[in-house]
Amino acid sequence: MKQKDHIASNKASGLDLSFILDKEKEFQNTDFIAKRSDLPFSNGSVLDDELINDNDFSAAMLRPTHVTKTYEINNPDRSVCARISGVIANKYGDKGFDKLGGALNLTYNGSAGQSFAAFMIPGMNITL
């Protein structure tokens, strides 16, 4: 690759891409896919993991029942319930599992992040 000699834009005319273009030579024969991890980026365990690993929740995923749980929550727990909704949708479809007799009643004490319960599915009853 080569940088164009003349660029019509005043903003881009002084741009020097040599650092990036010189690095291209180093990576020409590199297989990036082989070096990529198959694991998604993670900051560690999240609050949803506690419920997903709970025996009562696991039993409800096998046979829809009512599950009631209470958890402490902090602002970094931004997307609480998203992963839980995904697990339920994967098992019972996006209509939830309330029509099959299941209900997930969750109470969170504390402060939640911006996407708290953004992706709830029918059968989830959330209180903050």
Protein backbone atom coordinates (compact mmCIF):
# COMPACT_ATOMS: atom_id res chain seq x y z
CA MET A 1 0.00 0.00 0.00
CA LYS A 2 1.08 3.54 -0.64
CA GLN A 3 -0.16 6.87 0.62
CA LYS A 4 -1.43 9.27 -2.05
CA ASP A 5 0.92 12.18 -2.76
CA HIS A 6 -1.82 14.76 -3.19
CA ILE A 7 -4.99 14.94 -1.13
CA ALA A 8 -7.61 17.60 -1.84
CA SER A 9 -8.81 17.85 1.76
CA ASN A 10 -7.10 20.45 3.96
CA LYS A 11 -7.69 18.28 7.01
CA ALA A 12 -6.04 15.21 5.49
CA SER A 13 -3.25 16.91 3.53
CA GLY A 14 -0.80 16.83 6.44
CA LEU A 15 -1.64 13.31 7.51
CA ASP A 16 1.36 10.97 7.66
CA LEU A 17 0.39 7.29 7.45
CA SER A 18 3.93 5.97 7.16
CA PHE A 19 3.83 4.39 10.62
CA ILE A 20 0.86 2.23 9.65
CA LEU A 21 2.03 1.53 6.11
CA ASP A 22 5.51 0.50 7.24
CA LYS A 23 3.98 -1.97 9.72
CA GLU A 24 2.08 -3.67 6.88
CA LYS A 25 5.29 -5.38 5.78
CA GLU A 26 5.68 -6.97 9.22
CA PHE A 27 2.20 -8.50 9.08
CA GLN A 28 2.02 -9.67 5.45
CA ASN A 29 2.59 -13.34 6.27
CA THR A 30 0.79 -13.36 9.60
CA ASP A 31 -2.31 -15.50 10.10
CA PHE A 32 -4.42 -13.26 12.34
CA ILE A 33 -7.20 -15.82 12.71
CA ALA A 34 -4.82 -18.36 14.24
CA LYS A 35 -3.75 -15.82 16.87
CA ARG A 36 -7.28 -14.69 17.77
CA SER A 37 -8.82 -16.15 20.89
CA ASP A 38 -12.20 -17.81 20.47
CA LEU A 39 -13.27 -16.41 23.82
CA PRO A 40 -15.12 -13.07 23.84
CA PHE A 41 -13.59 -10.16 25.69
CA SER A 42 -14.52 -10.27 29.35
CA ASN A 43 -13.95 -8.23 32.46
CA GLY A 44 -14.66 -11.34 34.48
CA SER A 45 -17.79 -12.64 36.08
CA VAL A 46 -20.93 -10.51 35.77
CA LEU A 47 -24.03 -10.40 37.93
CA ASP A 48 -26.06 -12.45 35.42
CA ASP A 49 -23.59 -15.32 35.90
CA GLU A 50 -24.70 -15.68 39.53
CA LEU A 51 -28.28 -16.39 38.47
CA ILE A 52 -27.37 -18.53 35.46
CA ASN A 53 -25.23 -20.74 37.73
CA ASP A 54 -27.96 -20.92 40.41
CA ASN A 55 -29.57 -24.36 40.94
CA ASP A 56 -33.11 -22.93 41.07
CA PHE A 57 -32.63 -21.15 37.74
CA SER A 58 -31.12 -24.27 36.16
CA ALA A 59 -34.12 -26.31 37.31
CA ALA A 60 -36.49 -23.68 35.85
CA MET A 61 -34.73 -23.98 32.52
CA LEU A 62 -35.44 -27.72 32.49
CA ARG A 63 -39.06 -27.37 33.64
CA PRO A 64 -40.57 -23.87 33.83
CA THR A 65 -41.28 -22.92 37.44
CA HIS A 66 -41.34 -19.73 39.49
CA VAL A 67 -37.95 -18.52 40.70
CA THR A 68 -37.56 -15.58 43.08
CA LYS A 69 -34.12 -14.13 43.85
CA THR A 70 -32.66 -10.95 45.34
CA TYR A 71 -29.24 -9.52 44.49
CA GLU A 72 -27.13 -6.47 45.33
CA ILE A 73 -26.37 -4.39 42.24
CA ASN A 74 -23.89 -1.62 41.42
CA ASN A 75 -23.70 0.79 38.51
CA PRO A 76 -21.02 -1.23 36.62
CA ASP A 77 -23.64 -3.98 36.24
CA ARG A 78 -24.92 -2.14 33.15
CA SER A 79 -26.66 -4.85 31.22
CA VAL A 80 -28.12 -7.03 33.93
CA CYS A 81 -30.79 -9.40 32.58
CA ALA A 82 -29.51 -9.36 28.98
CA ARG A 83 -27.66 -12.65 29.29
CA ILE A 84 -30.48 -14.16 31.35
CA SER A 85 -32.98 -13.20 28.62
CA GLY A 86 -30.70 -14.83 26.06
CA VAL A 87 -30.58 -18.10 27.99
CA ILE A 88 -34.38 -18.16 28.29
CA ALA A 89 -34.88 -17.22 24.61
CA ASN A 90 -32.43 -19.90 23.51
CA LYS A 91 -34.43 -22.53 25.41
CA TYR A 92 -38.04 -21.32 24.97
CA GLY A 93 -37.96 -18.83 22.11
CA ASP A 94 -38.32 -15.06 22.23
CA LYS A 95 -41.84 -15.23 23.64
CA GLY A 96 -40.37 -16.26 26.99
CA PHE A 97 -41.43 -19.07 29.23
CA ASP A 98 -44.31 -17.50 31.16
CA LYS A 99 -46.89 -19.24 28.95
CA LEU A 100 -45.39 -22.54 30.06
CA GLY A 101 -45.85 -21.68 33.74
CA GLY A 102 -42.44 -20.14 34.39
CA ALA A 103 -41.67 -16.81 36.03
CA LEU A 104 -38.42 -15.21 37.01
CA ASN A 105 -38.94 -12.67 39.79
CA LEU A 106 -35.75 -10.72 40.42
CA THR A 107 -35.20 -7.93 42.92
CA TYR A 108 -32.03 -5.87 42.73
CA ASN A 109 -30.97 -3.62 45.60
CA GLY A 110 -28.63 -0.74 44.76
CA SER A 111 -28.02 1.29 41.63
CA ALA A 112 -28.13 -0.14 38.12
CA GLY A 113 -26.38 0.84 34.92
CA GLN A 114 -27.80 2.41 31.78
CA SER A 115 -28.99 -0.82 30.11
CA PHE A 116 -30.55 -2.39 33.18
CA ALA A 117 -33.21 -4.89 32.04
CA ALA A 118 -33.07 -3.51 28.49
CA PHE A 119 -33.65 -6.92 26.90
CA MET A 120 -36.25 -8.50 29.15
CA ILE A 121 -38.31 -11.37 27.87
CA PRO A 122 -41.88 -12.31 28.89
CA GLY A 123 -41.81 -14.15 32.18
CA MET A 124 -39.21 -11.85 33.75
CA ASN A 125 -40.39 -9.55 36.53
CA ILE A 126 -37.67 -7.14 37.62
CA THR A 127 -37.66 -4.74 40.58
CA LEU A 128 -34.91 -2.23 41.37
